[in-house]
């Protein structure tokens, strides 16, 4: 059996919250220093609006505040932003999208469209392939 726990570092990308309109949920800037792998995991609750859809965007840059953020080219993603997106029928679902680019800072944004009801969401960034293992537990 492989040891996954000591080789990953989970970070909150988008804290659990309820989206009730079309305001974009802009995630935290994830610093990849010390890690060579990154995947975002998105979790939904019960999505109340039958017309809502949720688009996913992954951005990256060299500045710690991502003032230089640009959309990640599809060639630097594992999976796609479209497959990571979801709609009203995706209650209690999980989605994932990976990053394989070379930029240090990465951010996930989820943008609702046609959402006028309760949509509980959260996202985590899973950093992997650490330069030094085991990783800290609890994560710092």
N, C-alpha and C. Protein backbone atom coordinates (compact mmCIF):
# COMPACT_ATOMS: atom_id res chain seq x y z
N UNK A 1 0.85 -1.18 0.00
CA UNK A 1 0.00 0.00 0.00
C UNK A 1 0.89 1.24 0.00
N UNK A 2 0.57 2.19 -0.84
CA UNK A 2 1.32 3.44 -0.93
C UNK A 2 0.89 4.42 0.16
N UNK A 3 1.81 5.27 0.59
CA UNK A 3 1.54 6.29 1.61
C UNK A 3 1.17 7.59 0.92
N UNK A 4 -0.10 7.91 0.86
CA UNK A 4 -0.56 9.17 0.29
C UNK A 4 -0.53 10.29 1.32
N UNK A 5 -0.95 9.98 2.55
CA UNK A 5 -1.10 11.01 3.58
C UNK A 5 0.17 11.82 3.82
N UNK A 6 1.31 11.20 3.87
CA UNK A 6 2.56 11.89 4.15
C UNK A 6 3.17 12.55 2.93
N UNK A 7 2.47 12.47 1.79
CA UNK A 7 2.99 13.03 0.55
C UNK A 7 2.05 14.05 -0.08
N UNK A 8 1.06 14.51 0.71
CA UNK A 8 0.17 15.57 0.24
C UNK A 8 0.07 16.66 1.30
N UNK A 9 -0.36 17.82 0.87
CA UNK A 9 -0.57 18.95 1.77
C UNK A 9 -1.88 19.63 1.35
N UNK A 10 -2.99 19.39 2.07
CA UNK A 10 -4.26 20.02 1.70
C UNK A 10 -4.33 21.46 2.20
N UNK A 11 -4.90 22.31 1.36
CA UNK A 11 -5.06 23.73 1.68
C UNK A 11 -6.48 24.14 1.27
N UNK A 12 -7.13 24.96 2.07
CA UNK A 12 -8.44 25.47 1.70
C UNK A 12 -8.29 26.43 0.54
N UNK A 13 -8.96 26.13 -0.56
CA UNK A 13 -8.96 27.02 -1.72
C UNK A 13 -10.16 27.96 -1.66
N UNK A 14 -11.34 27.39 -1.43
CA UNK A 14 -12.56 28.17 -1.22
C UNK A 14 -13.23 27.59 0.01
N UNK A 15 -13.30 28.40 1.06
CA UNK A 15 -13.91 27.95 2.32
C UNK A 15 -15.37 27.57 2.08
N UNK A 16 -15.89 26.60 2.83
CA UNK A 16 -17.30 26.24 2.67
C UNK A 16 -18.19 27.47 2.82
N UNK A 17 -19.08 27.63 1.87
CA UNK A 17 -19.99 28.77 1.89
C UNK A 17 -21.19 28.48 1.01
N UNK A 18 -22.20 29.31 1.12
CA UNK A 18 -23.41 29.17 0.30
C UNK A 18 -23.44 30.32 -0.69
N UNK A 19 -23.44 29.97 -1.97
CA UNK A 19 -23.62 30.97 -3.02
C UNK A 19 -25.11 31.12 -3.26
N UNK A 20 -25.60 32.37 -3.26
CA UNK A 20 -27.03 32.58 -3.44
C UNK A 20 -27.33 33.55 -4.58
N UNK A 21 -26.30 33.90 -5.33
CA UNK A 21 -26.48 34.75 -6.51
C UNK A 21 -25.37 34.40 -7.50
N UNK A 22 -25.09 35.29 -8.44
CA UNK A 22 -24.10 35.02 -9.47
C UNK A 22 -22.72 35.63 -9.18
N UNK A 23 -22.46 35.94 -7.93
CA UNK A 23 -21.16 36.49 -7.55
C UNK A 23 -20.10 35.40 -7.61
N UNK A 24 -18.99 35.70 -8.28
CA UNK A 24 -17.89 34.73 -8.40
C UNK A 24 -17.29 34.43 -7.03
N UNK A 25 -16.95 33.17 -6.80
CA UNK A 25 -16.27 32.75 -5.58
C UNK A 25 -14.79 32.63 -5.93
N UNK A 26 -14.03 33.65 -5.56
CA UNK A 26 -12.61 33.72 -5.89
C UNK A 26 -11.82 33.05 -4.77
N UNK A 27 -11.07 32.03 -5.12
CA UNK A 27 -10.35 31.25 -4.14
C UNK A 27 -9.09 31.93 -3.63
N UNK A 28 -8.52 31.31 -2.62
CA UNK A 28 -7.25 31.77 -2.06
C UNK A 28 -6.13 31.51 -3.07
N UNK A 29 -5.10 32.33 -2.98
CA UNK A 29 -3.90 32.11 -3.80
C UNK A 29 -3.13 30.95 -3.18
N UNK A 30 -2.86 29.94 -3.97
CA UNK A 30 -2.15 28.75 -3.51
C UNK A 30 -0.68 28.87 -3.91
N UNK A 31 0.20 28.78 -2.93
CA UNK A 31 1.65 28.86 -3.16
C UNK A 31 2.17 27.44 -3.34
N UNK A 32 2.70 27.14 -4.49
CA UNK A 32 3.19 25.80 -4.80
C UNK A 32 4.63 25.55 -4.36
N UNK A 33 5.27 26.51 -3.73
CA UNK A 33 6.67 26.34 -3.36
C UNK A 33 6.84 25.07 -2.52
N UNK A 34 7.79 24.23 -2.95
CA UNK A 34 8.07 22.99 -2.25
C UNK A 34 7.26 21.79 -2.73
N UNK A 35 6.40 22.00 -3.72
CA UNK A 35 5.55 20.93 -4.24
C UNK A 35 5.55 20.97 -5.77
N UNK A 36 5.53 19.80 -6.37
CA UNK A 36 5.54 19.71 -7.84
C UNK A 36 4.21 19.28 -8.42
N UNK A 37 3.18 19.10 -7.60
CA UNK A 37 1.87 18.68 -8.10
C UNK A 37 0.78 19.45 -7.37
N UNK A 38 -0.32 19.71 -8.09
CA UNK A 38 -1.46 20.43 -7.51
C UNK A 38 -2.73 19.96 -8.19
N UNK A 39 -3.74 19.65 -7.38
CA UNK A 39 -5.08 19.36 -7.88
C UNK A 39 -6.08 20.09 -7.00
N UNK A 40 -7.12 20.61 -7.62
CA UNK A 40 -8.22 21.23 -6.89
C UNK A 40 -9.36 20.22 -6.82
N UNK A 41 -9.97 20.10 -5.64
CA UNK A 41 -11.13 19.25 -5.42
C UNK A 41 -12.28 20.17 -5.03
N UNK A 42 -13.37 20.09 -5.77
CA UNK A 42 -14.56 20.92 -5.54
C UNK A 42 -15.67 20.03 -5.02
N UNK A 43 -16.35 20.46 -3.96
CA UNK A 43 -17.47 19.70 -3.40
C UNK A 43 -18.71 20.58 -3.38
N UNK A 44 -19.83 19.98 -3.78
CA UNK A 44 -21.11 20.69 -3.75
C UNK A 44 -22.02 20.05 -2.70
N UNK A 45 -22.99 20.84 -2.26
CA UNK A 45 -24.08 20.32 -1.43
C UNK A 45 -25.31 20.23 -2.30
N UNK A 46 -26.48 20.43 -1.70
CA UNK A 46 -27.73 20.41 -2.46
C UNK A 46 -27.89 21.76 -3.15
N UNK A 47 -27.92 21.74 -4.46
CA UNK A 47 -28.01 22.95 -5.27
C UNK A 47 -29.48 23.23 -5.56
N UNK A 48 -30.01 24.30 -4.96
CA UNK A 48 -31.45 24.53 -4.95
C UNK A 48 -32.01 25.11 -6.24
N UNK A 49 -31.24 25.88 -7.00
CA UNK A 49 -31.77 26.53 -8.20
C UNK A 49 -31.68 25.59 -9.39
N UNK A 50 -32.81 25.22 -9.99
CA UNK A 50 -32.78 24.26 -11.10
C UNK A 50 -32.17 24.81 -12.39
N UNK A 51 -31.93 26.11 -12.45
CA UNK A 51 -31.37 26.72 -13.66
C UNK A 51 -29.90 27.11 -13.51
N UNK A 52 -29.32 26.86 -12.36
CA UNK A 52 -27.96 27.33 -12.09
C UNK A 52 -26.91 26.46 -12.78
N UNK A 53 -25.82 27.12 -13.17
CA UNK A 53 -24.62 26.42 -13.64
C UNK A 53 -23.42 27.11 -13.00
N UNK A 54 -22.30 26.40 -12.92
CA UNK A 54 -21.14 26.89 -12.20
C UNK A 54 -19.90 26.62 -13.04
N UNK A 55 -19.28 27.69 -13.53
CA UNK A 55 -18.08 27.59 -14.36
C UNK A 55 -16.84 27.67 -13.48
N UNK A 56 -15.80 26.95 -13.88
CA UNK A 56 -14.55 26.89 -13.14
C UNK A 56 -13.45 27.55 -13.96
N UNK A 57 -12.62 28.33 -13.29
CA UNK A 57 -11.48 28.99 -13.92
C UNK A 57 -10.26 28.75 -13.04
N UNK A 58 -9.14 28.37 -13.67
CA UNK A 58 -7.87 28.25 -12.96
C UNK A 58 -6.93 29.29 -13.55
N UNK A 59 -6.35 30.11 -12.66
CA UNK A 59 -5.41 31.15 -13.06
C UNK A 59 -4.08 30.91 -12.38
N UNK A 60 -3.01 31.45 -12.99
CA UNK A 60 -1.68 31.33 -12.37
C UNK A 60 -0.87 32.58 -12.65
N UNK A 61 0.24 32.72 -11.91
CA UNK A 61 1.12 33.87 -12.08
C UNK A 61 2.35 33.75 -11.22
N UNK A 62 3.20 34.77 -11.30
CA UNK A 62 4.46 34.80 -10.55
C UNK A 62 4.40 35.70 -9.31
N UNK A 63 3.39 36.54 -9.21
CA UNK A 63 3.27 37.45 -8.07
C UNK A 63 2.44 36.82 -6.96
N UNK A 64 2.85 36.99 -5.71
CA UNK A 64 2.17 36.34 -4.59
C UNK A 64 0.72 36.79 -4.42
N UNK A 65 0.37 37.97 -4.91
CA UNK A 65 -1.01 38.43 -4.84
C UNK A 65 -1.77 38.16 -6.14
N UNK A 66 -1.12 37.48 -7.06
CA UNK A 66 -1.65 37.17 -8.39
C UNK A 66 -2.13 38.41 -9.15
N UNK A 67 -1.45 39.53 -8.92
CA UNK A 67 -1.75 40.73 -9.68
C UNK A 67 -1.42 40.53 -11.16
N UNK A 68 -0.65 39.49 -11.48
CA UNK A 68 -0.31 39.17 -12.86
C UNK A 68 -1.07 37.93 -13.35
N UNK A 69 -2.19 37.60 -12.71
CA UNK A 69 -2.93 36.38 -13.01
C UNK A 69 -3.40 36.33 -14.46
N UNK A 70 -3.23 35.17 -15.05
CA UNK A 70 -3.79 34.87 -16.38
C UNK A 70 -4.39 33.48 -16.31
N UNK A 71 -5.35 33.23 -17.19
CA UNK A 71 -5.96 31.90 -17.25
C UNK A 71 -4.91 30.87 -17.64
N UNK A 72 -4.95 29.73 -17.00
CA UNK A 72 -4.02 28.65 -17.30
C UNK A 72 -4.39 28.07 -18.67
N UNK A 73 -3.41 27.94 -19.58
CA UNK A 73 -3.71 27.30 -20.86
C UNK A 73 -4.15 25.84 -20.64
N UNK A 74 -5.03 25.36 -21.51
CA UNK A 74 -5.53 23.99 -21.39
C UNK A 74 -4.40 22.96 -21.36
N UNK A 75 -3.30 23.24 -22.04
CA UNK A 75 -2.18 22.30 -22.08
C UNK A 75 -1.48 22.16 -20.73
N UNK A 76 -1.75 23.10 -19.80
CA UNK A 76 -1.14 23.04 -18.48
C UNK A 76 -2.13 22.59 -17.40
N UNK A 77 -3.29 22.08 -17.84
CA UNK A 77 -4.28 21.53 -16.92
C UNK A 77 -4.34 20.02 -17.09
N UNK A 78 -4.66 19.33 -16.01
CA UNK A 78 -4.98 17.91 -16.05
C UNK A 78 -6.49 17.83 -15.88
N UNK A 79 -7.17 17.28 -16.87
CA UNK A 79 -8.62 17.41 -16.93
C UNK A 79 -8.92 18.76 -17.56
N UNK A 80 -10.15 19.19 -17.46
CA UNK A 80 -10.53 20.48 -18.04
C UNK A 80 -11.39 21.26 -17.06
N UNK A 81 -11.43 22.56 -17.27
CA UNK A 81 -12.29 23.41 -16.45
C UNK A 81 -13.76 23.08 -16.72
N UNK A 82 -14.08 22.70 -17.95
CA UNK A 82 -15.46 22.33 -18.28
C UNK A 82 -15.89 21.11 -17.48
N UNK A 83 -15.02 20.08 -17.41
CA UNK A 83 -15.36 18.88 -16.64
C UNK A 83 -15.42 19.16 -15.14
N UNK A 84 -14.69 20.18 -14.68
CA UNK A 84 -14.72 20.55 -13.26
C UNK A 84 -15.95 21.38 -12.92
N UNK A 85 -16.59 21.97 -13.94
CA UNK A 85 -17.80 22.75 -13.71
C UNK A 85 -18.97 21.83 -13.38
N UNK A 86 -20.08 22.42 -12.99
CA UNK A 86 -21.23 21.61 -12.60
C UNK A 86 -22.50 22.42 -12.75
N UNK A 87 -23.64 21.71 -12.67
CA UNK A 87 -24.94 22.35 -12.81
C UNK A 87 -25.87 21.95 -11.69
N UNK A 88 -27.10 22.39 -11.79
CA UNK A 88 -28.08 22.21 -10.73
C UNK A 88 -28.35 20.74 -10.42
N UNK A 89 -28.14 19.85 -11.35
CA UNK A 89 -28.40 18.43 -11.12
C UNK A 89 -27.26 17.73 -10.38
N UNK A 90 -26.18 18.47 -10.10
CA UNK A 90 -24.99 17.86 -9.50
C UNK A 90 -24.95 18.05 -7.98
N UNK A 91 -26.04 17.68 -7.32
CA UNK A 91 -26.10 17.73 -5.86
C UNK A 91 -25.09 16.77 -5.26
N UNK A 92 -24.45 17.21 -4.18
CA UNK A 92 -23.55 16.35 -3.40
C UNK A 92 -22.51 15.67 -4.29
N UNK A 93 -21.93 16.45 -5.20
CA UNK A 93 -20.96 15.92 -6.16
C UNK A 93 -19.56 16.45 -5.86
N UNK A 94 -18.59 15.79 -6.42
CA UNK A 94 -17.21 16.28 -6.37
C UNK A 94 -16.70 16.38 -7.79
N UNK A 95 -15.82 17.35 -7.99
CA UNK A 95 -15.16 17.56 -9.27
C UNK A 95 -13.68 17.79 -9.00
N UNK A 96 -12.86 17.63 -10.03
CA UNK A 96 -11.43 17.86 -9.85
C UNK A 96 -10.84 18.42 -11.13
N UNK A 97 -9.77 19.18 -10.95
CA UNK A 97 -8.97 19.67 -12.06
C UNK A 97 -7.55 19.83 -11.54
N UNK A 98 -6.58 19.40 -12.34
CA UNK A 98 -5.19 19.46 -11.92
C UNK A 98 -4.41 20.52 -12.66
N UNK A 99 -3.30 20.93 -12.06
CA UNK A 99 -2.42 21.95 -12.63
C UNK A 99 -1.04 21.34 -12.83
N UNK A 100 -0.48 21.50 -14.02
CA UNK A 100 0.87 21.00 -14.28
C UNK A 100 1.78 22.07 -14.88
N UNK A 101 1.41 23.31 -14.69
CA UNK A 101 2.23 24.42 -15.17
C UNK A 101 3.41 24.68 -14.26
N UNK A 102 4.17 25.70 -14.60
CA UNK A 102 5.41 26.00 -13.88
C UNK A 102 5.32 27.24 -12.99
N UNK A 103 4.18 27.90 -12.97
CA UNK A 103 4.06 29.11 -12.15
C UNK A 103 3.95 28.73 -10.67
N UNK A 104 4.43 29.62 -9.82
CA UNK A 104 4.42 29.35 -8.38
C UNK A 104 3.04 29.51 -7.75
N UNK A 105 2.26 30.48 -8.21
CA UNK A 105 0.98 30.81 -7.57
C UNK A 105 -0.19 30.45 -8.48
N UNK A 106 -1.21 29.82 -7.88
CA UNK A 106 -2.36 29.33 -8.64
C UNK A 106 -3.62 29.64 -7.84
N UNK A 107 -4.72 29.91 -8.57
CA UNK A 107 -5.99 30.23 -7.90
C UNK A 107 -7.15 29.60 -8.67
N UNK A 108 -8.17 29.18 -7.94
CA UNK A 108 -9.39 28.63 -8.50
C UNK A 108 -10.53 29.62 -8.28
N UNK A 109 -11.35 29.82 -9.30
CA UNK A 109 -12.55 30.66 -9.18
C UNK A 109 -13.74 29.86 -9.70
N UNK A 110 -14.84 29.91 -8.97
CA UNK A 110 -16.09 29.30 -9.40
C UNK A 110 -17.09 30.43 -9.61
N UNK A 111 -17.66 30.50 -10.81
CA UNK A 111 -18.59 31.57 -11.14
C UNK A 111 -19.98 30.99 -11.43
N UNK A 112 -20.95 31.29 -10.57
CA UNK A 112 -22.32 30.84 -10.82
C UNK A 112 -22.98 31.65 -11.94
N UNK A 113 -23.92 31.03 -12.59
CA UNK A 113 -24.73 31.70 -13.60
C UNK A 113 -26.16 31.21 -13.44
N UNK A 114 -27.10 32.14 -13.40
CA UNK A 114 -28.50 31.79 -13.22
C UNK A 114 -28.81 31.25 -11.84
N UNK A 115 -27.99 31.60 -10.86
CA UNK A 115 -28.17 31.08 -9.50
C UNK A 115 -28.87 32.12 -8.63
N UNK A 116 -30.05 31.76 -8.13
CA UNK A 116 -30.76 32.68 -7.24
C UNK A 116 -31.21 31.96 -5.97
N UNK A 117 -30.59 30.83 -5.67
CA UNK A 117 -30.96 30.07 -4.48
C UNK A 117 -29.71 29.51 -3.82
N UNK A 118 -29.91 28.70 -2.83
CA UNK A 118 -28.83 28.15 -2.03
C UNK A 118 -27.98 27.15 -2.81
N UNK A 119 -26.65 27.40 -2.82
CA UNK A 119 -25.71 26.50 -3.47
C UNK A 119 -24.48 26.35 -2.57
N UNK A 120 -24.48 25.38 -1.67
CA UNK A 120 -23.33 25.18 -0.79
C UNK A 120 -22.15 24.60 -1.58
N UNK A 121 -20.98 25.24 -1.42
CA UNK A 121 -19.78 24.86 -2.17
C UNK A 121 -18.55 24.97 -1.29
N UNK A 122 -17.53 24.23 -1.66
CA UNK A 122 -16.21 24.35 -1.04
C UNK A 122 -15.20 23.77 -2.01
N UNK A 123 -13.94 24.18 -1.87
CA UNK A 123 -12.87 23.63 -2.70
C UNK A 123 -11.59 23.55 -1.89
N UNK A 124 -10.86 22.49 -2.13
CA UNK A 124 -9.54 22.31 -1.51
C UNK A 124 -8.49 22.20 -2.59
N UNK A 125 -7.30 22.67 -2.27
CA UNK A 125 -6.14 22.47 -3.13
C UNK A 125 -5.32 21.37 -2.48
N UNK A 126 -4.98 20.35 -3.24
CA UNK A 126 -4.16 19.26 -2.74
C UNK A 126 -2.79 19.39 -3.40
N UNK A 127 -1.81 19.79 -2.61
CA UNK A 127 -0.43 19.89 -3.08
C UNK A 127 0.23 18.53 -2.88
N UNK A 128 0.95 18.07 -3.89
CA UNK A 128 1.60 16.76 -3.81
C UNK A 128 3.00 16.81 -4.37
N UNK A 129 3.63 15.66 -4.40
CA UNK A 129 5.02 15.52 -4.84
C UNK A 129 5.90 16.53 -4.09
N UNK A 130 5.91 16.41 -2.74
CA UNK A 130 6.67 17.38 -1.94
C UNK A 130 8.17 17.21 -2.13
N UNK A 131 8.89 18.32 -2.03
CA UNK A 131 10.35 18.26 -2.08
C UNK A 131 10.90 17.62 -0.82
N UNK A 132 10.15 17.73 0.30
CA UNK A 132 10.55 17.11 1.57
C UNK A 132 9.33 16.40 2.15
N UNK A 133 9.50 15.14 2.46
CA UNK A 133 8.43 14.36 3.07
C UNK A 133 8.97 13.69 4.31
N UNK A 134 8.13 13.38 5.28
CA UNK A 134 6.69 13.51 5.24
C UNK A 134 6.25 14.96 5.42
N UNK A 135 5.05 15.26 4.92
CA UNK A 135 4.49 16.59 5.09
C UNK A 135 3.95 16.73 6.51
N UNK A 136 3.79 17.96 6.97
CA UNK A 136 3.33 18.23 8.33
C UNK A 136 1.90 17.74 8.55
N UNK A 137 1.64 17.24 9.75
CA UNK A 137 0.29 16.86 10.12
C UNK A 137 0.04 17.32 11.55
N UNK A 138 -0.91 18.23 11.83
CA UNK A 138 -1.82 18.78 10.84
C UNK A 138 -1.10 19.75 9.90
N UNK A 139 -1.68 19.93 8.70
CA UNK A 139 -1.07 20.86 7.73
C UNK A 139 -0.96 22.26 8.33
N UNK A 140 0.08 22.97 7.94
CA UNK A 140 0.30 24.33 8.46
C UNK A 140 0.19 25.34 7.37
